[in-house]
Amino acid sequence: MVDLIPVFGLLGSITASVIFFPQVWKAWRTKRTEDLSWLMIAIGVANGFFWIVYGFLKSDPFIYVTNTLLFSATIMLAVLKKRYH
């Protein structure tokens, strides 16, 4: 029998990692960011930071790799928001 726990962990990590990338792509392509909330971006940055630290403290690459990618996308949104708004 195949152990599905790591499969679901990997799929969850992949989908969480890319959750903001469509928004980054759209903001970059359209040069429009007025509908993006600074509060959402700030919460996303804080969330990513806390999960990265937690992942390293737990030595869990599923957590810290996933959230490093998510953190990076959120930082990209902040840069685009600053640039285009």
N, C-alpha and C. Protein backbone atom coordinates (compact mmCIF):
# COMPACT_ATOMS: atom_id res chain seq x y z
N MET A 1 0.84 -1.19 0.00
CA MET A 1 0.00 0.00 0.00
C MET A 1 0.88 1.24 0.00
N VAL A 2 0.52 2.21 -0.79
CA VAL A 2 1.26 3.46 -0.92
C VAL A 2 0.90 4.38 0.25
N ASP A 3 1.92 4.97 0.87
CA ASP A 3 1.70 5.93 1.94
C ASP A 3 1.36 7.28 1.31
N LEU A 4 0.12 7.70 1.47
CA LEU A 4 -0.35 8.93 0.84
C LEU A 4 -0.04 10.20 1.63
N ILE A 5 0.41 10.06 2.85
CA ILE A 5 0.69 11.25 3.66
C ILE A 5 1.72 12.16 3.01
N PRO A 6 2.88 11.63 2.56
CA PRO A 6 3.85 12.54 1.90
C PRO A 6 3.32 13.10 0.58
N VAL A 7 2.49 12.35 -0.12
CA VAL A 7 1.93 12.84 -1.38
C VAL A 7 1.04 14.05 -1.11
N PHE A 8 0.16 13.93 -0.12
CA PHE A 8 -0.70 15.07 0.21
C PHE A 8 0.11 16.24 0.76
N GLY A 9 1.15 15.96 1.52
CA GLY A 9 2.03 17.02 2.01
C GLY A 9 2.70 17.75 0.86
N LEU A 10 3.18 17.00 -0.13
CA LEU A 10 3.82 17.61 -1.29
C LEU A 10 2.82 18.42 -2.10
N LEU A 11 1.64 17.86 -2.34
CA LEU A 11 0.62 18.59 -3.10
C LEU A 11 0.18 19.87 -2.37
N GLY A 12 0.04 19.77 -1.06
CA GLY A 12 -0.30 20.96 -0.28
C GLY A 12 0.80 22.00 -0.34
N SER A 13 2.04 21.56 -0.28
CA SER A 13 3.18 22.48 -0.37
C SER A 13 3.23 23.17 -1.72
N ILE A 14 3.02 22.41 -2.77
CA ILE A 14 3.06 22.99 -4.12
C ILE A 14 1.96 24.02 -4.30
N THR A 15 0.73 23.67 -3.92
CA THR A 15 -0.37 24.63 -4.12
C THR A 15 -0.23 25.86 -3.22
N ALA A 16 0.25 25.67 -1.99
CA ALA A 16 0.46 26.82 -1.11
C ALA A 16 1.59 27.71 -1.64
N SER A 17 2.61 27.10 -2.21
CA SER A 17 3.76 27.85 -2.72
C SER A 17 3.38 28.78 -3.86
N VAL A 18 2.44 28.37 -4.67
CA VAL A 18 2.12 29.15 -5.87
C VAL A 18 0.85 29.99 -5.73
N ILE A 19 0.29 30.04 -4.55
CA ILE A 19 -1.00 30.70 -4.36
C ILE A 19 -1.01 32.17 -4.80
N PHE A 20 0.07 32.91 -4.60
CA PHE A 20 0.09 34.33 -4.96
C PHE A 20 0.71 34.60 -6.33
N PHE A 21 1.33 33.60 -6.94
CA PHE A 21 2.01 33.85 -8.21
C PHE A 21 1.07 34.29 -9.34
N PRO A 22 -0.17 33.78 -9.44
CA PRO A 22 -1.06 34.34 -10.47
C PRO A 22 -1.33 35.84 -10.26
N GLN A 23 -1.44 36.26 -9.00
CA GLN A 23 -1.66 37.68 -8.72
C GLN A 23 -0.41 38.50 -9.06
N VAL A 24 0.75 37.96 -8.76
CA VAL A 24 2.01 38.64 -9.12
C VAL A 24 2.08 38.79 -10.64
N TRP A 25 1.78 37.73 -11.36
CA TRP A 25 1.83 37.76 -12.83
C TRP A 25 0.84 38.80 -13.37
N LYS A 26 -0.37 38.80 -12.84
CA LYS A 26 -1.39 39.75 -13.30
C LYS A 26 -0.98 41.19 -13.01
N ALA A 27 -0.47 41.45 -11.82
CA ALA A 27 -0.04 42.80 -11.46
C ALA A 27 1.12 43.25 -12.34
N TRP A 28 2.04 42.36 -12.61
CA TRP A 28 3.19 42.71 -13.46
C TRP A 28 2.75 42.96 -14.88
N ARG A 29 1.86 42.12 -15.39
CA ARG A 29 1.40 42.22 -16.77
C ARG A 29 0.53 43.46 -17.00
N THR A 30 -0.38 43.75 -16.08
CA THR A 30 -1.32 44.87 -16.26
C THR A 30 -0.81 46.19 -15.71
N LYS A 31 0.20 46.12 -14.84
CA LYS A 31 0.74 47.31 -14.16
C LYS A 31 -0.34 47.97 -13.30
N ARG A 32 -1.27 47.17 -12.78
CA ARG A 32 -2.35 47.68 -11.93
C ARG A 32 -2.35 46.93 -10.61
N THR A 33 -2.31 47.68 -9.52
CA THR A 33 -2.28 47.06 -8.19
C THR A 33 -3.20 47.76 -7.19
N GLU A 34 -4.03 48.66 -7.66
CA GLU A 34 -4.84 49.43 -6.72
C GLU A 34 -5.83 48.56 -5.93
N ASP A 35 -6.19 47.42 -6.45
CA ASP A 35 -7.11 46.54 -5.73
C ASP A 35 -6.42 45.65 -4.70
N LEU A 36 -5.11 45.68 -4.66
CA LEU A 36 -4.38 44.89 -3.67
C LEU A 36 -4.33 45.66 -2.35
N SER A 37 -4.63 44.98 -1.28
CA SER A 37 -4.64 45.59 0.04
C SER A 37 -3.25 45.53 0.67
N TRP A 38 -2.78 46.67 1.17
CA TRP A 38 -1.50 46.69 1.89
C TRP A 38 -1.58 45.82 3.14
N LEU A 39 -2.75 45.79 3.77
CA LEU A 39 -2.91 44.97 4.97
C LEU A 39 -2.76 43.48 4.63
N MET A 40 -3.35 43.05 3.53
CA MET A 40 -3.20 41.65 3.10
C MET A 40 -1.74 41.33 2.82
N ILE A 41 -1.05 42.24 2.19
CA ILE A 41 0.36 42.02 1.89
C ILE A 41 1.17 41.95 3.19
N ALA A 42 0.91 42.85 4.11
CA ALA A 42 1.63 42.85 5.39
C ALA A 42 1.36 41.56 6.18
N ILE A 43 0.12 41.13 6.20
CA ILE A 43 -0.21 39.88 6.90
C ILE A 43 0.46 38.70 6.20
N GLY A 44 0.49 38.71 4.89
CA GLY A 44 1.16 37.64 4.14
C GLY A 44 2.65 37.58 4.42
N VAL A 45 3.30 38.73 4.52
CA VAL A 45 4.73 38.77 4.84
C VAL A 45 4.96 38.24 6.25
N ALA A 46 4.18 38.71 7.22
CA ALA A 46 4.32 38.23 8.59
C ALA A 46 4.06 36.73 8.68
N ASN A 47 3.00 36.27 8.02
CA ASN A 47 2.65 34.85 8.02
C ASN A 47 3.80 34.01 7.46
N GLY A 48 4.33 34.43 6.32
CA GLY A 48 5.44 33.70 5.72
C GLY A 48 6.65 33.65 6.64
N PHE A 49 6.99 34.78 7.23
CA PHE A 49 8.13 34.83 8.14
C PHE A 49 7.96 33.87 9.31
N PHE A 50 6.79 33.91 9.96
CA PHE A 50 6.55 33.04 11.11
C PHE A 50 6.61 31.56 10.73
N TRP A 51 6.03 31.21 9.59
CA TRP A 51 6.06 29.81 9.17
C TRP A 51 7.46 29.36 8.78
N ILE A 52 8.24 30.24 8.17
CA ILE A 52 9.62 29.89 7.83
C ILE A 52 10.41 29.59 9.09
N VAL A 53 10.32 30.48 10.07
CA VAL A 53 11.03 30.26 11.34
C VAL A 53 10.56 28.96 11.98
N TYR A 54 9.25 28.75 12.03
CA TYR A 54 8.70 27.52 12.61
C TYR A 54 9.21 26.29 11.87
N GLY A 55 9.22 26.35 10.54
CA GLY A 55 9.70 25.22 9.75
C GLY A 55 11.15 24.90 10.03
N PHE A 56 11.98 25.93 10.16
CA PHE A 56 13.39 25.68 10.49
C PHE A 56 13.54 25.12 11.90
N LEU A 57 12.77 25.65 12.85
CA LEU A 57 12.85 25.15 14.22
C LEU A 57 12.40 23.69 14.31
N LYS A 58 11.44 23.31 13.47
CA LYS A 58 10.95 21.93 13.44
C LYS A 58 11.77 21.05 12.48
N SER A 59 12.71 21.67 11.76
CA SER A 59 13.49 20.96 10.73
C SER A 59 12.58 20.28 9.70
N ASP A 60 11.57 21.01 9.25
CA ASP A 60 10.60 20.46 8.31
C ASP A 60 10.65 21.23 6.99
N PRO A 61 11.31 20.64 5.98
CA PRO A 61 11.43 21.35 4.70
C PRO A 61 10.09 21.59 4.01
N PHE A 62 9.09 20.74 4.24
CA PHE A 62 7.77 21.02 3.66
C PHE A 62 7.28 22.38 4.12
N ILE A 63 7.55 22.72 5.35
CA ILE A 63 7.07 24.00 5.89
C ILE A 63 7.96 25.15 5.44
N TYR A 64 9.28 25.04 5.61
CA TYR A 64 10.10 26.22 5.32
C TYR A 64 10.30 26.47 3.83
N VAL A 65 10.36 25.45 3.01
CA VAL A 65 10.51 25.67 1.57
C VAL A 65 9.22 26.27 1.01
N THR A 66 8.10 25.67 1.37
CA THR A 66 6.80 26.17 0.92
C THR A 66 6.63 27.65 1.28
N ASN A 67 6.90 27.97 2.51
CA ASN A 67 6.65 29.34 2.97
C ASN A 67 7.71 30.32 2.51
N THR A 68 8.90 29.86 2.18
CA THR A 68 9.88 30.74 1.56
C THR A 68 9.39 31.18 0.18
N LEU A 69 8.80 30.25 -0.57
CA LEU A 69 8.24 30.61 -1.88
C LEU A 69 7.05 31.54 -1.72
N LEU A 70 6.18 31.24 -0.78
CA LEU A 70 5.02 32.09 -0.52
C LEU A 70 5.46 33.48 -0.05
N PHE A 71 6.43 33.54 0.84
CA PHE A 71 6.99 34.80 1.32
C PHE A 71 7.56 35.61 0.15
N SER A 72 8.29 34.94 -0.74
CA SER A 72 8.88 35.62 -1.91
C SER A 72 7.80 36.22 -2.80
N ALA A 73 6.73 35.47 -3.04
CA ALA A 73 5.64 35.98 -3.87
C ALA A 73 4.98 37.19 -3.22
N THR A 74 4.83 37.15 -1.90
CA THR A 74 4.21 38.27 -1.20
C THR A 74 5.11 39.51 -1.26
N ILE A 75 6.41 39.32 -1.13
CA ILE A 75 7.35 40.43 -1.28
C ILE A 75 7.27 41.00 -2.70
N MET A 76 7.15 40.12 -3.70
CA MET A 76 7.01 40.59 -5.08
C MET A 76 5.75 41.43 -5.24
N LEU A 77 4.66 41.01 -4.61
CA LEU A 77 3.43 41.81 -4.66
C LEU A 77 3.64 43.18 -4.03
N ALA A 78 4.36 43.22 -2.92
CA ALA A 78 4.63 44.51 -2.26
C ALA A 78 5.45 45.42 -3.17
N VAL A 79 6.45 44.86 -3.83
CA VAL A 79 7.28 45.65 -4.74
C VAL A 79 6.43 46.18 -5.90
N LEU A 80 5.61 45.32 -6.47
CA LEU A 80 4.75 45.75 -7.58
C LEU A 80 3.73 46.79 -7.12
N LYS A 81 3.16 46.59 -5.94
CA LYS A 81 2.20 47.57 -5.39
C LYS A 81 2.87 48.93 -5.23
N LYS A 82 4.07 48.93 -4.69
CA LYS A 82 4.81 50.18 -4.49
C LYS A 82 5.13 50.83 -5.84
N ARG A 83 5.51 50.03 -6.80
CA ARG A 83 5.91 50.55 -8.10
C ARG A 83 4.74 51.08 -8.92
N TYR A 84 3.62 50.37 -8.91
CA TYR A 84 2.52 50.70 -9.84
C TYR A 84 1.36 51.44 -9.20
N HIS A 85 1.39 51.65 -7.90
CA HIS A 85 0.24 52.32 -7.28
C HIS A 85 0.58 53.75 -6.93
